[in-house]
Structures are given as C-alpha cells and as structure tokens.
Amino acid sequence: MEAQSKILSGELTVEDYARSLLSRIKDRDSTVKAWAYLDPGRVLSEARKLDAVPEEERGPMHGIAIGVKDVIYTKAGALILGKTTTTEFAATVRGPVTTNPHNSSRTPGGSSSGSGASVGDMQVPISLGTQTGGSTIRPGSYNGIFALKLTWGSHLARSSKELQSHSRHPGPVRKINPRSATPIPHSRRRRRRPLPLLRCKGSQISLPKNRTLAQTHRHIGPGTAAAFELPRELLANHGAIVEEIELPSSFDGLPEAYCIVLHSDGRVAFLPEYRLDKSKLWPSLVAHVDNEHKISRKQQLESWDKIAMLRPRIDEIAGNMWTALHTPVVNVPGFKSVNGMPIGLSLVGPRYRDQHPLQVAEAVGKIFGAEGGWRSQL
C-alpha cells in the first residue's frame, strides 16, 4: 500500500495519515454513516504510539488503518479506527442507517454495511466484515470494491455473536485486490513462497451455465445478468480459455439445504436473547427460535449430510452456496447496473487453495476495472 510504504520510509507519519482519514470521515460521515463507534482522540493517540515504535519492532501491518467489527489485529501493528456498522446480530435486514457512498438513496449491502461503505467511500483502505451467507461479498459488490472470504476454518472467526460457527468467517474488504500489498487477514502461520503473477492469456476460466445460475442466483436483475455475459467477451479478448460448466444434479436443492441448516442453528444462537426479551428481537430471529419453518431433526441431519458430501465435489469443479461449501470467494468489481451502480462478480476456488482465486482476481481485476464499464465518481 502506498501509505504504508511512505510510513516505513519516513515520508509520512502514522499520525498525519490518521488525520487525513479522519478529515475524510468528518466530511462524509453525515451522509454515509458507516461508523458505529469512532473516537478521533483515541485514534490519534494510538497513531502517536505507533510512530514511537522502533523500526525493528514494527509489525507487518504497521500503520495500516482498518475498520473492524471487533478489535483485532492490534498486535500486527494496525491502526484501528473504530467499529463499523452492521445489521442486527449480522443476521437480519434491520440495521444501521448506513448509505451507499455512490448513491445515498441506496443500500451498501449487509450485514457488513459499514465495512463496505467506509472502504467504498475511501474513509479507510481496509475494513473487516464477517460472512455467514453473503455478508462480505455482497457489500464488496454493492460498493465497488474487492472483498474476500477465505476457506472456512483457515482463520479464527469467533470474536463476536454468531449465527453459525461452522460457516461464519471474517474477511477483508478493500479498494484494491486483497492479494496486493500486505496479506489480509494477517496470519502468524508459516509464510509460503509468493505465487508468480498469473497472466490472463492461456489461463482456463470457467463460467456457470444458465441452469447453475438459476440455482445460485434466483433473484438477479438485468444488470447482474448482463455482467455475467460481458466477462466472457473480455476474458476471451485477452486470451483466456473460457469454458462453461454445469453443476451436476447432485447440487440441486443445495440452497434449500443451507437454509434449513441456517434456520436450525438460529434456534440455538438466539435462544438466550429470546429468553431475556423476545420483543426486542427482529421477527426473523424470533421465528428461528420458535421453529416457524417446522424443520425436523431428520431434515437438519439430511441437509448437513448433503452439504458435507458436496464439499469435495466442488473442489474438483471449482452467494450462500459457496459459504455452505466453505470455498474461498473473491468479489471483483468493474461492472455497472442500468442505474450506474457498481456490480461485482465472484471468483470461486477450491478449498485450501485461497491464493489461487486471489491470483486470478489480480489478473482479471485489471481487465474488468479498465473495460467493465463502471467508474467511481468519488
């Protein structure tokens, strides 16, 4: 990242960098409303502490400003700006008054609303969201930024209230490709050798056929439908080998199976709040606990088995479908809707090969950004 490079070289202090971001937030927060908590005095105090850290003791994320739902990353040297907004328990449509930075009359997407809006509005370069269904990838698409969901279980996710512990995962949203600059989320695990730059020419990229789209994206609008067609032409023009794939019939009903698991887990997740005062919960959360959908134990186990059976199948081939299958997903921006709002496409890869979709995102992201049709006016 350019700012971190200047900080490390001594051209820029963390405090001056923080002041520039706080100035942007002050100018735009009354419109975007991305922050649930932000204390400028605390931010500047932490920035001065980071400036005082000796060079040999600085962490790999030294000075990088991020917004998060919970305070993490501090040991890696990041500058935590504050807590971004989210929908209720990151599990309902009831949420903050956060707006889309590209059009304040529209939503930034949820549940990681503030994370997506703050990055899309250039108030912070990186922010952390969480995903159980599409809560990181969706705000990435809506706000015209990159977003990443790693293979489930590859990073610790249990830092806040959970609807599902077996599908929920933290993930970053940022203006540029998550593979570039510092890896996010930062891991203390053994570093692997960086993968070589992937070139579009000669690469084999698969796109879903209509039947698969009908299974995974039942409510897409004309802009998104068009965004599925344009990449074929763009990728082929740049020398990629583009093929269409059709998921086998064993994947039929996967979205329904995932919903059964989601509703079943919600009965347990929100039982404590239900017992305290269910009148304060959003109706959909009450419905989880009341088992409004009449889901039997047999249905729950069958759905679990179906999802588990398909995970190794998708590894060979490759919304909430990808979350259920625990695969890594990268949102790549570059396209636009009929009303000029940004649209992103999801790159999906096999489990535990997270660097591969990041490689592809770096290559095709440049093409989509230059020729996809969407430009930020901010």
Protein backbone atom coordinates (compact mmCIF):
# COMPACT_ATOMS: atom_id res chain seq x y z
CA MET A 1 0.00 0.00 0.00
CA GLU A 2 1.29 3.46 -0.89
CA ALA A 3 0.57 4.97 2.53
CA GLN A 4 2.37 2.19 4.39
CA SER A 5 5.38 2.46 2.08
CA LYS A 6 5.65 6.16 2.89
CA ILE A 7 5.26 5.46 6.61
CA LEU A 8 8.00 2.84 6.55
CA SER A 9 10.31 5.13 4.57
CA GLY A 10 9.74 8.03 6.96
CA GLU A 11 7.99 10.25 4.40
CA LEU A 12 4.70 10.07 6.32
CA THR A 13 3.87 9.64 10.00
CA VAL A 14 1.04 7.43 11.17
CA GLU A 15 -0.43 10.46 12.95
CA ASP A 16 -0.54 12.58 9.77
CA TYR A 17 -2.01 9.63 7.88
CA ALA A 18 -4.69 9.20 10.56
CA ARG A 19 -5.53 12.90 10.46
CA SER A 20 -6.11 12.74 6.69
CA LEU A 21 -8.51 9.81 7.09
CA LEU A 22 -10.34 11.46 9.99
CA SER A 23 -10.77 14.56 7.84
CA ARG A 24 -12.38 12.47 5.09
CA ILE A 25 -14.66 10.79 7.62
CA LYS A 26 -15.68 14.17 9.08
CA ASP A 27 -16.63 15.43 5.62
CA ARG A 28 -18.62 12.34 4.62
CA ASP A 29 -19.94 10.62 7.76
CA SER A 30 -23.17 12.63 7.89
CA THR A 31 -24.05 11.09 4.50
CA VAL A 32 -22.52 7.60 4.55
CA LYS A 33 -22.90 6.83 8.31
CA ALA A 34 -20.50 3.88 8.22
CA TRP A 35 -19.25 4.00 11.81
CA ALA A 36 -20.91 2.62 14.92
CA TYR A 37 -18.05 3.84 17.11
CA LEU A 38 -15.13 6.13 16.32
CA ASP A 39 -13.14 8.24 18.80
CA PRO A 40 -10.80 10.61 16.92
CA GLY A 41 -8.82 11.37 20.07
CA ARG A 42 -8.15 7.69 20.71
CA VAL A 43 -7.22 7.13 17.07
CA LEU A 44 -4.62 9.93 17.15
CA SER A 45 -3.26 8.70 20.47
CA GLU A 46 -2.80 5.20 19.04
CA ALA A 47 -1.22 6.68 15.91
CA ARG A 48 1.38 8.52 18.00
CA LYS A 49 2.15 5.29 19.86
CA LEU A 50 2.75 3.53 16.54
CA ASP A 51 5.05 6.34 15.42
CA ALA A 52 7.11 5.74 18.57
CA VAL A 53 7.60 2.02 17.90
CA PRO A 54 11.23 1.28 16.95
CA GLU A 55 11.66 0.20 13.35
CA GLU A 56 12.89 -3.29 14.28
CA GLU A 57 9.78 -3.89 16.43
CA ARG A 58 7.15 -2.80 13.92
CA GLY A 59 4.56 -5.37 12.87
CA PRO A 60 3.74 -6.38 9.29
CA MET A 61 0.65 -4.15 9.28
CA HIS A 62 2.38 -1.19 10.89
CA GLY A 63 0.36 1.96 10.40
CA ILE A 64 -2.33 0.49 8.14
CA ALA A 65 -5.71 1.92 9.10
CA ILE A 66 -8.61 -0.51 9.26
CA GLY A 67 -12.19 -0.56 10.42
CA VAL A 68 -13.45 -3.68 12.17
CA LYS A 69 -16.47 -5.13 13.89
CA ASP A 70 -14.30 -6.22 16.81
CA VAL A 71 -10.88 -5.05 17.96
CA ILE A 72 -8.33 -7.39 16.43
CA TYR A 73 -5.07 -7.10 14.50
CA THR A 74 -3.55 -4.76 17.10
CA LYS A 75 -0.51 -7.00 17.66
CA ALA A 76 0.30 -6.82 13.96
CA GLY A 77 0.67 -3.07 14.24
CA ALA A 78 -2.51 -1.90 12.54
CA LEU A 79 -4.21 1.36 13.44
CA ILE A 80 -7.77 0.54 14.50
CA LEU A 81 -10.01 3.46 13.52
CA GLY A 82 -13.22 2.19 15.04
CA LYS A 83 -16.16 -0.17 14.85
CA THR A 84 -18.16 -0.21 11.63
CA THR A 85 -21.93 -0.62 11.47
CA THR A 86 -23.75 -3.91 10.97
CA THR A 87 -27.29 -5.23 10.80
CA GLU A 88 -28.83 -6.71 13.95
CA PHE A 89 -26.56 -9.58 15.07
CA ALA A 90 -25.31 -9.60 11.46
CA ALA A 91 -28.34 -11.79 10.78
CA THR A 92 -31.35 -9.63 9.82
CA VAL A 93 -32.44 -6.91 7.42
CA ARG A 94 -32.91 -4.50 10.32
CA GLY A 95 -29.81 -2.47 10.59
CA PRO A 96 -28.00 0.82 10.54
CA VAL A 97 -28.79 3.96 8.60
CA THR A 98 -25.58 3.48 6.61
CA THR A 99 -25.89 4.50 2.96
CA ASN A 100 -24.13 3.54 -0.24
CA PRO A 101 -21.36 6.10 -0.88
CA HIS A 102 -22.11 6.11 -4.62
CA ASN A 103 -25.80 6.94 -4.10
CA SER A 104 -27.08 7.78 -0.62
CA SER A 105 -30.60 6.62 -1.52
CA ARG A 106 -29.33 3.04 -1.89
CA THR A 107 -28.06 0.37 0.48
CA PRO A 108 -24.38 -0.52 0.91
CA GLY A 109 -25.42 -4.14 1.44
CA GLY A 110 -25.34 -6.15 4.63
CA SER A 111 -24.59 -7.37 7.05
CA SER A 112 -21.12 -5.78 6.88
CA SER A 113 -22.68 -2.46 5.85
CA GLY A 114 -20.22 -0.07 7.45
CA SER A 115 -17.22 -2.12 6.39
CA GLY A 116 -18.19 -1.92 2.73
CA ALA A 117 -19.33 1.71 2.81
CA SER A 118 -16.26 3.02 4.65
CA VAL A 119 -13.89 1.46 2.12
CA GLY A 120 -16.05 2.36 -0.87
CA ASP A 121 -16.05 5.99 0.30
CA MET A 122 -12.25 5.97 0.82
CA GLN A 123 -12.61 6.67 4.55
CA VAL A 124 -10.34 3.71 5.30
CA PRO A 125 -8.28 1.47 2.98
CA ILE A 126 -9.25 -1.82 4.60
CA SER A 127 -12.13 -2.97 6.76
CA LEU A 128 -13.12 -6.30 8.22
CA GLY A 129 -16.51 -7.90 7.71
CA THR A 130 -17.96 -11.29 8.56
CA GLN A 131 -19.93 -13.67 6.37
CA THR A 132 -22.46 -16.38 7.10
CA GLY A 133 -24.37 -16.08 3.82
CA GLY A 134 -23.01 -13.27 1.66
CA SER A 135 -22.27 -10.55 4.19
CA THR A 136 -18.76 -9.72 2.98
CA ILE A 137 -19.04 -10.44 -0.74
CA ARG A 138 -22.35 -8.56 -1.08
CA PRO A 139 -21.09 -5.21 0.35
CA GLY A 140 -18.00 -5.63 -1.81
CA SER A 141 -20.17 -5.82 -4.90
CA TYR A 142 -22.55 -3.04 -3.85
CA ASN A 143 -19.74 -0.60 -3.04
CA GLY A 144 -17.48 -1.32 -5.99
CA ILE A 145 -14.56 -2.79 -4.03
CA PHE A 146 -12.72 -6.07 -3.64
CA ALA A 147 -13.89 -8.44 -0.91
CA LEU A 148 -12.56 -11.78 0.25
CA LYS A 149 -14.00 -14.82 2.01
CA LEU A 150 -11.29 -17.34 2.79
CA THR A 151 -11.68 -21.09 3.11
CA TRP A 152 -13.72 -21.69 6.25
CA GLY A 153 -11.57 -22.55 9.24
CA SER A 154 -8.37 -21.09 7.82
CA HIS A 155 -8.56 -18.15 10.25
CA LEU A 156 -10.15 -17.82 13.67
CA ALA A 157 -13.63 -16.29 13.40
CA ARG A 158 -15.06 -16.50 16.91
CA SER A 159 -14.81 -12.94 18.10
CA SER A 160 -18.45 -11.85 18.27
CA LYS A 161 -22.06 -13.05 18.32
CA GLU A 162 -22.50 -15.93 15.86
CA LEU A 163 -25.46 -17.28 13.95
CA GLN A 164 -23.38 -20.17 12.60
CA SER A 165 -19.94 -21.15 13.85
CA HIS A 166 -19.45 -23.71 11.07
CA SER A 167 -19.92 -21.34 8.13
CA ARG A 168 -19.18 -17.90 9.53
CA HIS A 169 -15.88 -16.35 8.56
CA PRO A 170 -14.13 -12.98 8.80
CA GLY A 171 -12.93 -11.36 5.63
CA PRO A 172 -11.48 -8.07 4.42
CA VAL A 173 -12.92 -5.55 2.02
CA ARG A 174 -10.57 -3.13 0.35
CA LYS A 175 -10.26 -0.78 -2.60
CA ILE A 176 -7.59 -2.81 -4.39
CA ASN A 177 -7.02 -6.53 -4.83
CA PRO A 178 -6.61 -8.24 -1.41
CA ARG A 179 -3.59 -10.13 -2.79
CA SER A 180 -1.58 -6.98 -3.35
CA ALA A 181 0.45 -5.35 -0.58
CA THR A 182 0.01 -6.80 2.92
CA PRO A 183 -1.94 -10.07 3.14
CA ILE A 184 -5.26 -9.68 4.95
CA PRO A 185 -6.20 -11.16 7.38
CA HIS A 186 -2.65 -11.28 8.73
CA SER A 187 -1.57 -14.76 9.76
CA ARG A 188 1.17 -15.82 12.14
CA ARG A 189 1.44 -19.12 10.30
CA ARG A 190 4.49 -20.04 8.27
CA ARG A 191 4.75 -17.82 5.21
CA ARG A 192 4.57 -19.59 1.89
CA ARG A 193 6.57 -18.59 -1.15
CA PRO A 194 4.60 -15.97 -3.13
CA LEU A 195 2.90 -17.34 -6.21
CA PRO A 196 4.06 -15.99 -9.58
CA LEU A 197 1.95 -13.38 -11.33
CA LEU A 198 -0.82 -15.05 -13.29
CA ARG A 199 -1.48 -13.83 -16.81
CA CYS A 200 -4.91 -13.93 -18.38
CA LYS A 201 -3.61 -15.22 -21.72
CA GLY A 202 -3.76 -19.00 -21.77
CA SER A 203 -5.50 -19.28 -18.39
CA GLN A 204 -8.54 -21.54 -18.17
CA ILE A 205 -11.53 -19.84 -16.54
CA SER A 206 -14.94 -21.44 -16.07
CA LEU A 207 -18.24 -19.59 -16.09
CA PRO A 208 -21.55 -21.08 -14.93
CA LYS A 209 -24.25 -22.07 -17.38
CA ASN A 210 -27.79 -20.78 -17.08
CA ARG A 211 -29.05 -23.76 -15.07
CA THR A 212 -26.32 -23.25 -12.47
CA LEU A 213 -27.11 -19.53 -12.34
CA ALA A 214 -30.75 -20.34 -11.73
CA GLN A 215 -29.73 -22.47 -8.75
CA THR A 216 -27.40 -19.96 -7.14
CA HIS A 217 -28.73 -16.55 -8.22
CA ARG A 218 -32.51 -16.71 -8.40
CA HIS A 219 -33.19 -13.04 -7.94
CA ILE A 220 -30.58 -11.35 -10.12
CA GLY A 221 -31.56 -8.22 -12.02
CA PRO A 222 -30.83 -7.35 -15.65
CA GLY A 223 -27.60 -5.55 -14.75
CA THR A 224 -26.18 -8.58 -12.98
CA ALA A 225 -27.37 -10.88 -15.74
CA ALA A 226 -25.53 -8.70 -18.26
CA ALA A 227 -22.46 -8.70 -16.02
CA PHE A 228 -22.31 -12.47 -16.37
CA GLU A 229 -22.13 -12.17 -20.15
CA LEU A 230 -19.58 -9.37 -20.55
CA PRO A 231 -16.69 -11.23 -18.84
CA ARG A 232 -16.87 -13.99 -21.45
CA GLU A 233 -16.05 -11.48 -24.16
CA LEU A 234 -13.47 -9.55 -22.15
CA LEU A 235 -11.60 -12.65 -20.98
CA ALA A 236 -11.61 -14.22 -24.45
CA ASN A 237 -10.33 -10.97 -25.96
CA HIS A 238 -7.39 -11.13 -23.57
CA GLY A 239 -6.50 -14.69 -24.49
CA ALA A 240 -8.18 -16.66 -21.72
CA ILE A 241 -9.66 -20.08 -22.42
CA VAL A 242 -13.26 -19.60 -21.31
CA GLU A 243 -15.50 -22.62 -20.78
CA GLU A 244 -18.98 -23.06 -19.39
CA ILE A 245 -19.65 -25.52 -16.59
CA GLU A 246 -22.88 -27.07 -15.39
CA LEU A 247 -23.02 -28.27 -11.82
CA PRO A 248 -24.29 -31.87 -11.65
CA SER A 249 -27.80 -32.64 -10.46
CA SER A 250 -26.45 -33.63 -7.04
CA PHE A 251 -26.15 -29.88 -6.36
CA ASP A 252 -29.89 -29.37 -6.87
CA GLY A 253 -31.50 -28.22 -3.65
CA LEU A 254 -28.24 -27.07 -2.08
CA PRO A 255 -29.54 -23.53 -1.33
CA GLU A 256 -32.57 -25.08 0.39
CA ALA A 257 -30.34 -27.39 2.42
CA TYR A 258 -28.26 -24.44 3.53
CA CYS A 259 -31.39 -22.53 4.61
CA ILE A 260 -32.52 -25.49 6.71
CA VAL A 261 -29.16 -25.55 8.49
CA LEU A 262 -29.27 -21.76 8.92
CA HIS A 263 -32.75 -21.79 10.48
CA SER A 264 -31.86 -24.72 12.73
CA ASP A 265 -28.72 -23.07 14.05
CA GLY A 266 -30.64 -19.86 14.64
CA ARG A 267 -32.82 -21.66 17.20
CA VAL A 268 -29.76 -22.15 19.39
CA ALA A 269 -27.88 -18.94 18.58
CA PHE A 270 -30.63 -16.54 19.66
CA LEU A 271 -32.25 -18.55 22.46
CA PRO A 272 -30.53 -16.51 25.25
CA GLU A 273 -31.80 -13.18 23.85
CA TYR A 274 -35.21 -14.74 23.20
CA ARG A 275 -35.50 -15.76 26.85
CA LEU A 276 -34.43 -12.33 28.08
CA ASP A 277 -36.90 -10.34 25.96
CA LYS A 278 -38.02 -11.64 22.60
CA SER A 279 -39.99 -8.43 21.93
CA LYS A 280 -36.68 -6.66 21.25
CA LEU A 281 -35.60 -9.17 18.61
CA TRP A 282 -36.30 -8.80 14.91
CA PRO A 283 -39.20 -11.14 13.90
CA SER A 284 -36.98 -13.36 11.76
CA LEU A 285 -34.81 -14.15 14.80
CA VAL A 286 -37.87 -14.98 16.87
CA ALA A 287 -39.01 -17.24 14.02
CA HIS A 288 -35.71 -19.12 14.24
CA VAL A 289 -36.21 -19.90 17.93
CA ASP A 290 -39.91 -20.71 17.50
CA ASN A 291 -39.03 -23.06 14.61
CA GLU A 292 -41.60 -21.30 12.46
CA HIS A 293 -40.40 -23.29 9.45
CA LYS A 294 -41.21 -26.60 11.23
CA ILE A 295 -37.80 -28.09 10.50
CA SER A 296 -37.41 -31.59 11.86
CA ARG A 297 -34.25 -33.12 13.24
CA LYS A 298 -34.29 -35.53 10.30
CA GLN A 299 -34.34 -32.64 7.78
CA GLN A 300 -31.50 -30.95 9.61
CA LEU A 301 -29.28 -34.05 9.54
CA GLU A 302 -30.09 -34.77 5.89
CA SER A 303 -29.17 -31.19 4.96
CA TRP A 304 -25.91 -31.44 6.87
CA ASP A 305 -25.05 -34.67 5.07
CA LYS A 306 -25.88 -33.20 1.66
CA ILE A 307 -23.67 -30.16 2.19
CA ALA A 308 -20.79 -32.23 3.57
CA MET A 309 -20.99 -34.66 0.64
CA LEU A 310 -20.74 -31.85 -1.93
CA ARG A 311 -17.72 -30.03 -0.47
CA PRO A 312 -15.12 -32.33 -2.07
CA ARG A 313 -17.12 -32.28 -5.32
CA ILE A 314 -16.89 -28.51 -5.64
CA ASP A 315 -13.13 -28.70 -5.04
CA GLU A 316 -12.88 -30.67 -8.26
CA ILE A 317 -15.05 -28.17 -10.18
CA ALA A 318 -14.07 -25.00 -8.93
CA GLY A 319 -23.88 -16.49 -2.56
CA ASN A 320 -24.62 -18.58 0.31
CA MET A 321 -23.98 -21.68 -1.73
CA TRP A 322 -20.23 -21.01 -1.67
CA THR A 323 -20.34 -20.21 2.04
CA ALA A 324 -22.00 -23.54 2.76
CA LEU A 325 -19.33 -25.33 0.74
CA HIS A 326 -16.54 -23.50 2.66
CA THR A 327 -14.83 -22.37 -0.56
CA PRO A 328 -12.75 -19.19 -0.93
CA VAL A 329 -14.54 -16.38 -2.79
CA VAL A 330 -13.25 -13.04 -4.09
CA ASN A 331 -15.56 -10.25 -5.24
CA VAL A 332 -14.04 -8.46 -8.24
CA PRO A 333 -15.57 -5.04 -9.09
CA GLY A 334 -15.75 -3.45 -12.51
CA PHE A 335 -19.29 -3.72 -13.87
CA LYS A 336 -22.35 -1.50 -13.51
CA SER A 337 -26.12 -1.78 -13.36
CA VAL A 338 -28.61 0.02 -15.60
CA ASN A 339 -28.76 2.80 -12.97
CA GLY A 340 -24.99 3.20 -12.83
CA MET A 341 -24.38 1.39 -9.54
CA PRO A 342 -21.39 -0.96 -9.20
CA ILE A 343 -21.69 -4.72 -9.70
CA GLY A 344 -19.02 -7.25 -8.84
CA LEU A 345 -18.57 -10.87 -9.85
CA SER A 346 -17.49 -13.69 -7.54
CA LEU A 347 -14.39 -15.74 -8.25
CA VAL A 348 -14.66 -19.12 -6.56
CA GLY A 349 -11.83 -21.57 -5.96
CA PRO A 350 -11.33 -24.96 -4.30
CA ARG A 351 -10.92 -25.16 -0.52
CA TYR A 352 -7.47 -24.52 0.96
CA ARG A 353 -6.17 -23.01 -2.28
CA ASP A 354 -7.05 -19.45 -1.36
CA GLN A 355 -4.09 -17.90 -3.15
CA HIS A 356 -5.34 -19.16 -6.49
CA PRO A 357 -8.56 -17.07 -6.72
CA LEU A 358 -6.53 -14.13 -5.41
CA GLN A 359 -4.09 -14.66 -8.26
CA VAL A 360 -6.92 -14.74 -10.76
CA ALA A 361 -8.53 -11.66 -9.17
CA GLU A 362 -5.31 -9.73 -9.63
CA ALA A 363 -5.19 -10.62 -13.33
CA VAL A 364 -8.84 -10.23 -14.31
CA GLY A 365 -9.44 -7.32 -11.92
CA LYS A 366 -7.28 -5.10 -14.11
CA ILE A 367 -9.31 -6.09 -17.17
CA PHE A 368 -12.70 -5.68 -15.50
CA GLY A 369 -11.66 -2.36 -13.97
CA ALA A 370 -10.50 -0.96 -17.31
CA GLU A 371 -13.17 -2.40 -19.62
CA GLY A 372 -16.11 -3.49 -17.43
CA GLY A 373 -17.87 -0.14 -17.64
CA TRP A 374 -18.01 1.10 -14.04
CA ARG A 375 -16.05 4.07 -12.71
CA SER A 376 -16.24 5.53 -9.24
CA GLN A 377 -17.15 9.22 -9.24
CA LEU A 378 -15.89 9.80 -5.70
